[in-house]
Amino acid sequence: MPGTSRTQRTTSNKQRVAAITRASLRRWPLPAVEADGDKDARGRVLVVGGARELPGAVLLAGVGALRAGAGKLQ
């Protein structure tokens, strides 16, 4: 596998995993969108991905960004 010569083994199997719950999402609400705000005011998102076998992942990320309120998607 490419890159395996540059990896290191860890001695610990402990990983920090945080569950995403409805309560945790409420603590970080999306910023309010002004009624007269244009797409430049809403921000830009650049989705970078690449696997011809899995094009749906990039599409899903883009749709999610637009639904979350991004003004421009590249």
PDB file of N, CA and C in Angstrom:
ATOM      1  N   MET A   1       0.828  -1.172   0.000  1.00  0.00           N
ATOM      2  CA  MET A   1       0.000   0.000   0.000  1.00  0.00           C
ATOM      3  C   MET A   1       0.882   1.249   0.000  1.00  0.00           C
ATOM      4  N   PRO A   2       0.577   2.262  -0.809  1.00  0.00           N
ATOM      5  CA  PRO A   2       1.400   3.471  -0.831  1.00  0.00           C
ATOM      6  C   PRO A   2       1.381   4.168   0.524  1.00  0.00           C
ATOM      7  N   GLY A   3       2.522   4.674   0.940  1.00  0.00           N
ATOM      8  CA  GLY A   3       2.608   5.428   2.183  1.00  0.00           C
ATOM      9  C   GLY A   3       2.820   4.608   3.432  1.00  0.00           C
ATOM     10  N   THR A   4       2.762   3.283   3.345  1.00  0.00           N
ATOM     11  CA  THR A   4       2.922   2.468   4.553  1.00  0.00           C
ATOM     12  C   THR A   4       4.324   2.571   5.127  1.00  0.00           C
ATOM     13  N   SER A   5       5.297   2.902   4.310  1.00  0.00           N
ATOM     14  CA  SER A   5       6.657   3.048   4.837  1.00  0.00           C
ATOM     15  C   SER A   5       6.803   4.307   5.676  1.00  0.00           C
ATOM     16  N   ARG A   6       5.855   5.230   5.584  1.00  0.00           N
ATOM     17  CA  ARG A   6       5.930   6.482   6.336  1.00  0.00           C
ATOM     18  C   ARG A   6       4.984   6.506   7.530  1.00  0.00           C
ATOM     19  N   THR A   7       4.339   5.437   7.811  1.00  0.00           N
ATOM     20  CA  THR A   7       3.406   5.408   8.936  1.00  0.00           C
ATOM     21  C   THR A   7       4.094   4.866  10.173  1.00  0.00           C
ATOM     22  N   GLN A   8       3.499   5.158  11.321  1.00  0.00           N
ATOM     23  CA  GLN A   8       4.029   4.669  12.588  1.00  0.00           C
ATOM     24  C   GLN A   8       2.929   3.909  13.310  1.00  0.00           C
ATOM     25  N   ARG A   9       3.319   2.892  14.011  1.00  0.00           N
ATOM     26  CA  ARG A   9       2.360   2.140  14.814  1.00  0.00           C
ATOM     27  C   ARG A   9       2.164   2.839  16.145  1.00  0.00           C
ATOM     28  N   THR A  10       0.955   2.797  16.628  1.00  0.00           N
ATOM     29  CA  THR A  10       0.680   3.346  17.950  1.00  0.00           C
ATOM     30  C   THR A  10       0.541   2.197  18.928  1.00  0.00           C
ATOM     31  N   THR A  11       0.874   2.468  20.165  1.00  0.00           N
ATOM     32  CA  THR A  11       0.779   1.419  21.180  1.00  0.00           C
ATOM     33  C   THR A  11      -0.535   1.485  21.935  1.00  0.00           C
ATOM     34  N   SER A  12      -1.303   2.518  21.691  1.00  0.00           N
ATOM     35  CA  SER A  12      -2.566   2.678  22.403  1.00  0.00           C
ATOM     36  C   SER A  12      -3.722   2.508  21.430  1.00  0.00           C
ATOM     37  N   ASN A  13      -4.733   1.813  21.856  1.00  0.00           N
ATOM     38  CA  ASN A  13      -5.934   1.657  21.045  1.00  0.00           C
ATOM     39  C   ASN A  13      -7.018   2.646  21.447  1.00  0.00           C
ATOM     40  N   LYS A  14      -6.714   3.523  22.405  1.00  0.00           N
ATOM     41  CA  LYS A  14      -7.700   4.492  22.869  1.00  0.00           C
ATOM     42  C   LYS A  14      -7.828   5.611  21.843  1.00  0.00           C
ATOM     43  N   GLN A  15      -9.035   5.837  21.410  1.00  0.00           N
ATOM     44  CA  GLN A  15      -9.314   6.910  20.472  1.00  0.00           C
ATOM     45  C   GLN A  15     -10.386   7.795  21.072  1.00  0.00           C
ATOM     46  N   ARG A  16     -10.263   9.077  20.806  1.00  0.00           N
ATOM     47  CA  ARG A  16     -11.279  10.003  21.290  1.00  0.00           C
ATOM     48  C   ARG A  16     -12.382  10.087  20.247  1.00  0.00           C
ATOM     49  N   VAL A  17     -13.529   9.625  20.601  1.00  0.00           N
ATOM     50  CA  VAL A  17     -14.676   9.659  19.708  1.00  0.00           C
ATOM     51  C   VAL A  17     -15.795  10.380  20.429  1.00  0.00           C
ATOM     52  N   ALA A  18     -16.334  11.380  19.783  1.00  0.00           N
ATOM     53  CA  ALA A  18     -17.439  12.130  20.372  1.00  0.00           C
ATOM     54  C   ALA A  18     -18.701  11.825  19.586  1.00  0.00           C
ATOM     55  N   ALA A  19     -19.729  11.460  20.295  1.00  0.00           N
ATOM     56  CA  ALA A  19     -21.012  11.199  19.648  1.00  0.00           C
ATOM     57  C   ALA A  19     -21.670  12.527  19.289  1.00  0.00           C
ATOM     58  N   ILE A  20     -22.215  12.607  18.107  1.00  0.00           N
ATOM     59  CA  ILE A  20     -22.937  13.803  17.689  1.00  0.00           C
ATOM     60  C   ILE A  20     -24.406  13.565  17.988  1.00  0.00           C
ATOM     61  N   THR A  21     -24.903  14.333  18.921  1.00  0.00           N
ATOM     62  CA  THR A  21     -26.295  14.208  19.339  1.00  0.00           C
ATOM     63  C   THR A  21     -27.050  15.483  18.980  1.00  0.00           C
ATOM     64  N   ARG A  22     -28.346  15.449  19.133  1.00  0.00           N
ATOM     65  CA  ARG A  22     -29.139  16.658  18.884  1.00  0.00           C
ATOM     66  C   ARG A  22     -28.739  17.775  19.832  1.00  0.00           C
ATOM     67  N   ALA A  23     -28.447  17.413  21.070  1.00  0.00           N
ATOM     68  CA  ALA A  23     -28.047  18.424  22.053  1.00  0.00           C
ATOM     69  C   ALA A  23     -26.716  19.069  21.666  1.00  0.00           C
ATOM     70  N   SER A  24     -25.768  18.283  21.180  1.00  0.00           N
ATOM     71  CA  SER A  24     -24.479  18.864  20.789  1.00  0.00           C
ATOM     72  C   SER A  24     -24.631  19.767  19.567  1.00  0.00           C
ATOM     73  N   LEU A  25     -25.527  19.427  18.660  1.00  0.00           N
ATOM     74  CA  LEU A  25     -25.764  20.285  17.498  1.00  0.00           C
ATOM     75  C   LEU A  25     -26.428  21.592  17.900  1.00  0.00           C
ATOM     76  N   ARG A  26     -27.284  21.559  18.910  1.00  0.00           N
ATOM     77  CA  ARG A  26     -27.933  22.787  19.380  1.00  0.00           C
ATOM     78  C   ARG A  26     -26.928  23.743  20.014  1.00  0.00           C
ATOM     79  N   ARG A  27     -25.855  23.222  20.567  1.00  0.00           N
ATOM     80  CA  ARG A  27     -24.841  24.086  21.180  1.00  0.00           C
ATOM     81  C   ARG A  27     -24.044  24.855  20.135  1.00  0.00           C
ATOM     82  N   TRP A  28     -24.005  24.388  18.899  1.00  0.00           N
ATOM     83  CA  TRP A  28     -23.279  25.062  17.828  1.00  0.00           C
ATOM     84  C   TRP A  28     -24.229  25.361  16.668  1.00  0.00           C
ATOM     85  N   PRO A  29     -25.130  26.319  16.856  1.00  0.00           N
ATOM     86  CA  PRO A  29     -26.089  26.602  15.782  1.00  0.00           C
ATOM     87  C   PRO A  29     -25.403  27.279  14.593  1.00  0.00           C
ATOM     88  N   LEU A  30     -26.021  27.172  13.448  1.00  0.00           N
ATOM     89  CA  LEU A  30     -25.511  27.845  12.261  1.00  0.00           C
ATOM     90  C   LEU A  30     -25.742  29.343  12.409  1.00  0.00           C
ATOM     91  N   PRO A  31     -24.886  30.171  11.822  1.00  0.00           N
ATOM     92  CA  PRO A  31     -25.094  31.618  11.920  1.00  0.00           C
ATOM     93  C   PRO A  31     -26.377  32.027  11.210  1.00  0.00           C
ATOM     94  N   ALA A  32     -27.006  33.064  11.734  1.00  0.00           N
ATOM     95  CA  ALA A  32     -28.242  33.563  11.131  1.00  0.00           C
ATOM     96  C   ALA A  32     -27.930  34.169   9.764  1.00  0.00           C
ATOM     97  N   VAL A  33     -28.836  33.973   8.832  1.00  0.00           N
ATOM     98  CA  VAL A  33     -28.679  34.505   7.485  1.00  0.00           C
ATOM     99  C   VAL A  33     -29.567  35.726   7.359  1.00  0.00           C
ATOM    100  N   GLU A  34     -28.980  36.829   6.912  1.00  0.00           N
ATOM    101  CA  GLU A  34     -29.758  38.044   6.727  1.00  0.00           C
ATOM    102  C   GLU A  34     -30.652  37.895   5.505  1.00  0.00           C
ATOM    103  N   ALA A  35     -31.840  38.483   5.590  1.00  0.00           N
ATOM    104  CA  ALA A  35     -32.803  38.364   4.496  1.00  0.00           C
ATOM    105  C   ALA A  35     -32.280  39.005   3.216  1.00  0.00           C
ATOM    106  N   ASP A  36     -31.524  40.096   3.344  1.00  0.00           N
ATOM    107  CA  ASP A  36     -31.016  40.772   2.156  1.00  0.00           C
ATOM    108  C   ASP A  36     -29.575  40.372   1.828  1.00  0.00           C
ATOM    109  N   GLY A  37     -29.068  39.356   2.499  1.00  0.00           N
ATOM    110  CA  GLY A  37     -27.696  38.910   2.253  1.00  0.00           C
ATOM    111  C   GLY A  37     -27.575  38.182   0.924  1.00  0.00           C
ATOM    112  N   ASP A  38     -26.497  38.475   0.205  1.00  0.00           N
ATOM    113  CA  ASP A  38     -26.283  37.788  -1.064  1.00  0.00           C
ATOM    114  C   ASP A  38     -25.379  36.574  -0.859  1.00  0.00           C
ATOM    115  N   LYS A  39     -25.081  35.893  -1.945  1.00  0.00           N
ATOM    116  CA  LYS A  39     -24.306  34.661  -1.807  1.00  0.00           C
ATOM    117  C   LYS A  39     -22.872  34.911  -1.357  1.00  0.00           C
ATOM    118  N   ASP A  40     -22.335  36.102  -1.605  1.00  0.00           N
ATOM    119  CA  ASP A  40     -20.992  36.404  -1.111  1.00  0.00           C
ATOM    120  C   ASP A  40     -20.980  36.538   0.408  1.00  0.00           C
ATOM    121  N   ALA A  41     -22.062  37.039   0.977  1.00  0.00           N
ATOM    122  CA  ALA A  41     -22.144  37.209   2.432  1.00  0.00           C
ATOM    123  C   ALA A  41     -22.292  35.870   3.144  1.00  0.00           C
ATOM    124  N   ARG A  42     -22.774  34.873   2.443  1.00  0.00           N
ATOM    125  CA  ARG A  42     -22.996  33.557   3.062  1.00  0.00           C
ATOM    126  C   ARG A  42     -21.746  32.695   3.100  1.00  0.00           C
ATOM    127  N   GLY A  43     -20.725  33.063   2.363  1.00  0.00           N
ATOM    128  CA  GLY A  43     -19.475  32.307   2.403  1.00  0.00           C
ATOM    129  C   GLY A  43     -19.340  31.317   1.262  1.00  0.00           C
ATOM    130  N   ARG A  44     -18.137  30.789   1.141  1.00  0.00           N
ATOM    131  CA  ARG A  44     -17.809  29.855   0.058  1.00  0.00           C
ATOM    132  C   ARG A  44     -17.339  28.531   0.634  1.00  0.00           C
ATOM    133  N   VAL A  45     -17.576  27.480  -0.116  1.00  0.00           N
ATOM    134  CA  VAL A  45     -17.119  26.145   0.264  1.00  0.00           C
ATOM    135  C   VAL A  45     -16.413  25.540  -0.942  1.00  0.00           C
ATOM    136  N   LEU A  46     -15.247  24.987  -0.693  1.00  0.00           N
ATOM    137  CA  LEU A  46     -14.513  24.260  -1.727  1.00  0.00           C
ATOM    138  C   LEU A  46     -14.497  22.798  -1.320  1.00  0.00           C
ATOM    139  N   VAL A  47     -15.086  21.965  -2.132  1.00  0.00           N
ATOM    140  CA  VAL A  47     -15.105  20.527  -1.864  1.00  0.00           C
ATOM    141  C   VAL A  47     -14.051  19.885  -2.755  1.00  0.00           C
ATOM    142  N   VAL A  48     -13.110  19.217  -2.135  1.00  0.00           N
ATOM    143  CA  VAL A  48     -12.051  18.528  -2.872  1.00  0.00           C
ATOM    144  C   VAL A  48     -12.190  17.044  -2.593  1.00  0.00           C
ATOM    145  N   GLY A  49     -12.308  16.289  -3.621  1.00  0.00           N
ATOM    146  CA  GLY A  49     -12.427  14.847  -3.464  1.00  0.00           C
ATOM    147  C   GLY A  49     -11.996  14.188  -4.753  1.00  0.00           C
ATOM    148  N   GLY A  50     -11.844  12.938  -4.702  1.00  0.00           N
ATOM    149  CA  GLY A  50     -11.460  12.306  -5.939  1.00  0.00           C
ATOM    150  C   GLY A  50     -11.395  10.810  -5.863  1.00  0.00           C
ATOM    151  N   ALA A  51     -12.354  10.197  -6.438  1.00  0.00           N
ATOM    152  CA  ALA A  51     -12.353   8.762  -6.660  1.00  0.00           C
ATOM    153  C   ALA A  51     -13.430   8.515  -7.702  1.00  0.00           C
ATOM    154  N   ARG A  52     -13.030   8.095  -8.838  1.00  0.00           N
ATOM    155  CA  ARG A  52     -14.014   7.869  -9.900  1.00  0.00           C
ATOM    156  C   ARG A  52     -15.026   6.803  -9.508  1.00  0.00           C
ATOM    157  N   GLU A  53     -14.600   5.927  -8.609  1.00  0.00           N
ATOM    158  CA  GLU A  53     -15.500   4.860  -8.183  1.00  0.00           C
ATOM    159  C   GLU A  53     -16.547   5.353  -7.188  1.00  0.00           C
ATOM    160  N   LEU A  54     -16.279   6.483  -6.524  1.00  0.00           N
ATOM    161  CA  LEU A  54     -17.182   6.984  -5.481  1.00  0.00           C
ATOM    162  C   LEU A  54     -17.526   8.458  -5.702  1.00  0.00           C
ATOM    163  N   PRO A  55     -18.159   8.811  -6.799  1.00  0.00           N
ATOM    164  CA  PRO A  55     -18.458  10.223  -7.040  1.00  0.00           C
ATOM    165  C   PRO A  55     -19.553  10.769  -6.131  1.00  0.00           C
ATOM    166  N   GLY A  56     -20.320   9.915  -5.523  1.00  0.00           N
ATOM    167  CA  GLY A  56     -21.416  10.367  -4.672  1.00  0.00           C
ATOM    168  C   GLY A  56     -20.965  11.064  -3.409  1.00  0.00           C
ATOM    169  N   ALA A  57     -19.764  10.779  -2.927  1.00  0.00           N
ATOM    170  CA  ALA A  57     -19.275  11.403  -1.697  1.00  0.00           C
ATOM    171  C   ALA A  57     -19.088  12.906  -1.890  1.00  0.00           C
ATOM    172  N   VAL A  58     -18.514  13.311  -3.015  1.00  0.00           N
ATOM    173  CA  VAL A  58     -18.317  14.731  -3.292  1.00  0.00           C
ATOM    174  C   VAL A  58     -19.662  15.405  -3.515  1.00  0.00           C
ATOM    175  N   LEU A  59     -20.551  14.744  -4.206  1.00  0.00           N
ATOM    176  CA  LEU A  59     -21.887  15.288  -4.428  1.00  0.00           C
ATOM    177  C   LEU A  59     -22.619  15.477  -3.107  1.00  0.00           C
ATOM    178  N   LEU A  60     -22.542  14.500  -2.236  1.00  0.00           N
ATOM    179  CA  LEU A  60     -23.192  14.587  -0.933  1.00  0.00           C
ATOM    180  C   LEU A  60     -22.614  15.735  -0.104  1.00  0.00           C
ATOM    181  N   ALA A  61     -21.306  15.920  -0.133  1.00  0.00           N
ATOM    182  CA  ALA A  61     -20.674  17.025   0.599  1.00  0.00           C
ATOM    183  C   ALA A  61     -21.122  18.372   0.047  1.00  0.00           C
ATOM    184  N   GLY A  62     -21.218  18.483  -1.259  1.00  0.00           N
ATOM    185  CA  GLY A  62     -21.664  19.730  -1.875  1.00  0.00           C
ATOM    186  C   GLY A  62     -23.103  20.064  -1.555  1.00  0.00           C
ATOM    187  N   VAL A  63     -23.970  19.092  -1.658  1.00  0.00           N
ATOM    188  CA  VAL A  63     -25.387  19.308  -1.335  1.00  0.00           C
ATOM    189  C   VAL A  63     -25.539  19.683   0.137  1.00  0.00           C
ATOM    190  N   GLY A  64     -24.791  19.023   0.998  1.00  0.00           N
ATOM    191  CA  GLY A  64     -24.841  19.348   2.424  1.00  0.00           C
ATOM    192  C   GLY A  64     -24.384  20.770   2.700  1.00  0.00           C
ATOM    193  N   ALA A  65     -23.340  21.215   2.013  1.00  0.00           N
ATOM    194  CA  ALA A  65     -22.848  22.582   2.197  1.00  0.00           C
ATOM    195  C   ALA A  65     -23.885  23.604   1.755  1.00  0.00           C
ATOM    196  N   LEU A  66     -24.530  23.357   0.641  1.00  0.00           N
ATOM    197  CA  LEU A  66     -25.560  24.284   0.173  1.00  0.00           C
ATOM    198  C   LEU A  66     -26.764  24.297   1.106  1.00  0.00           C
ATOM    199  N   ARG A  67     -27.174  23.152   1.574  1.00  0.00           N
ATOM    200  CA  ARG A  67     -28.305  23.096   2.507  1.00  0.00           C
ATOM    201  C   ARG A  67     -27.980  23.747   3.844  1.00  0.00           C
ATOM    202  N   ALA A  68     -26.704  23.734   4.217  1.00  0.00           N
ATOM    203  CA  ALA A  68     -26.292  24.365   5.475  1.00  0.00           C
ATOM    204  C   ALA A  68     -26.189  25.879   5.339  1.00  0.00           C
ATOM    205  N   GLY A  69     -26.266  26.387   4.111  1.00  0.00           N
ATOM    206  CA  GLY A  69     -26.288  27.831   3.935  1.00  0.00           C
ATOM    207  C   GLY A  69     -25.117  28.432   3.196  1.00  0.00           C
ATOM    208  N   ALA A  70     -24.269  27.625   2.601  1.00  0.00           N
ATOM    209  CA  ALA A  70     -23.143  28.180   1.845  1.00  0.00           C
ATOM    210  C   ALA A  70     -23.670  28.973   0.656  1.00  0.00           C
ATOM    211  N   GLY A  71     -23.020  30.089   0.371  1.00  0.00           N
ATOM    212  CA  GLY A  71     -23.447  30.918  -0.745  1.00  0.00           C
ATOM    213  C   GLY A  71     -22.899  30.441  -2.075  1.00  0.00           C
ATOM    214  N   LYS A  72     -21.647  30.013  -2.066  1.00  0.00           N
ATOM    215  CA  LYS A  72     -21.004  29.547  -3.297  1.00  0.00           C
ATOM    216  C   LYS A  72     -20.346  28.207  -3.037  1.00  0.00           C
ATOM    217  N   LEU A  73     -20.454  27.351  -4.009  1.00  0.00           N
ATOM    218  CA  LEU A  73     -19.851  26.022  -3.920  1.00  0.00           C
ATOM    219  C   LEU A  73     -18.947  25.838  -5.119  1.00  0.00           C
ATOM    220  N   GLN A  74     -17.704  25.465  -4.847  1.00  0.00           N
ATOM    221  CA  GLN A  74     -16.760  25.250  -5.945  1.00  0.00           C
ATOM    222  C   GLN A  74     -16.300  23.824  -5.911  1.00  0.00           C
TER     223      GLN A  74
END
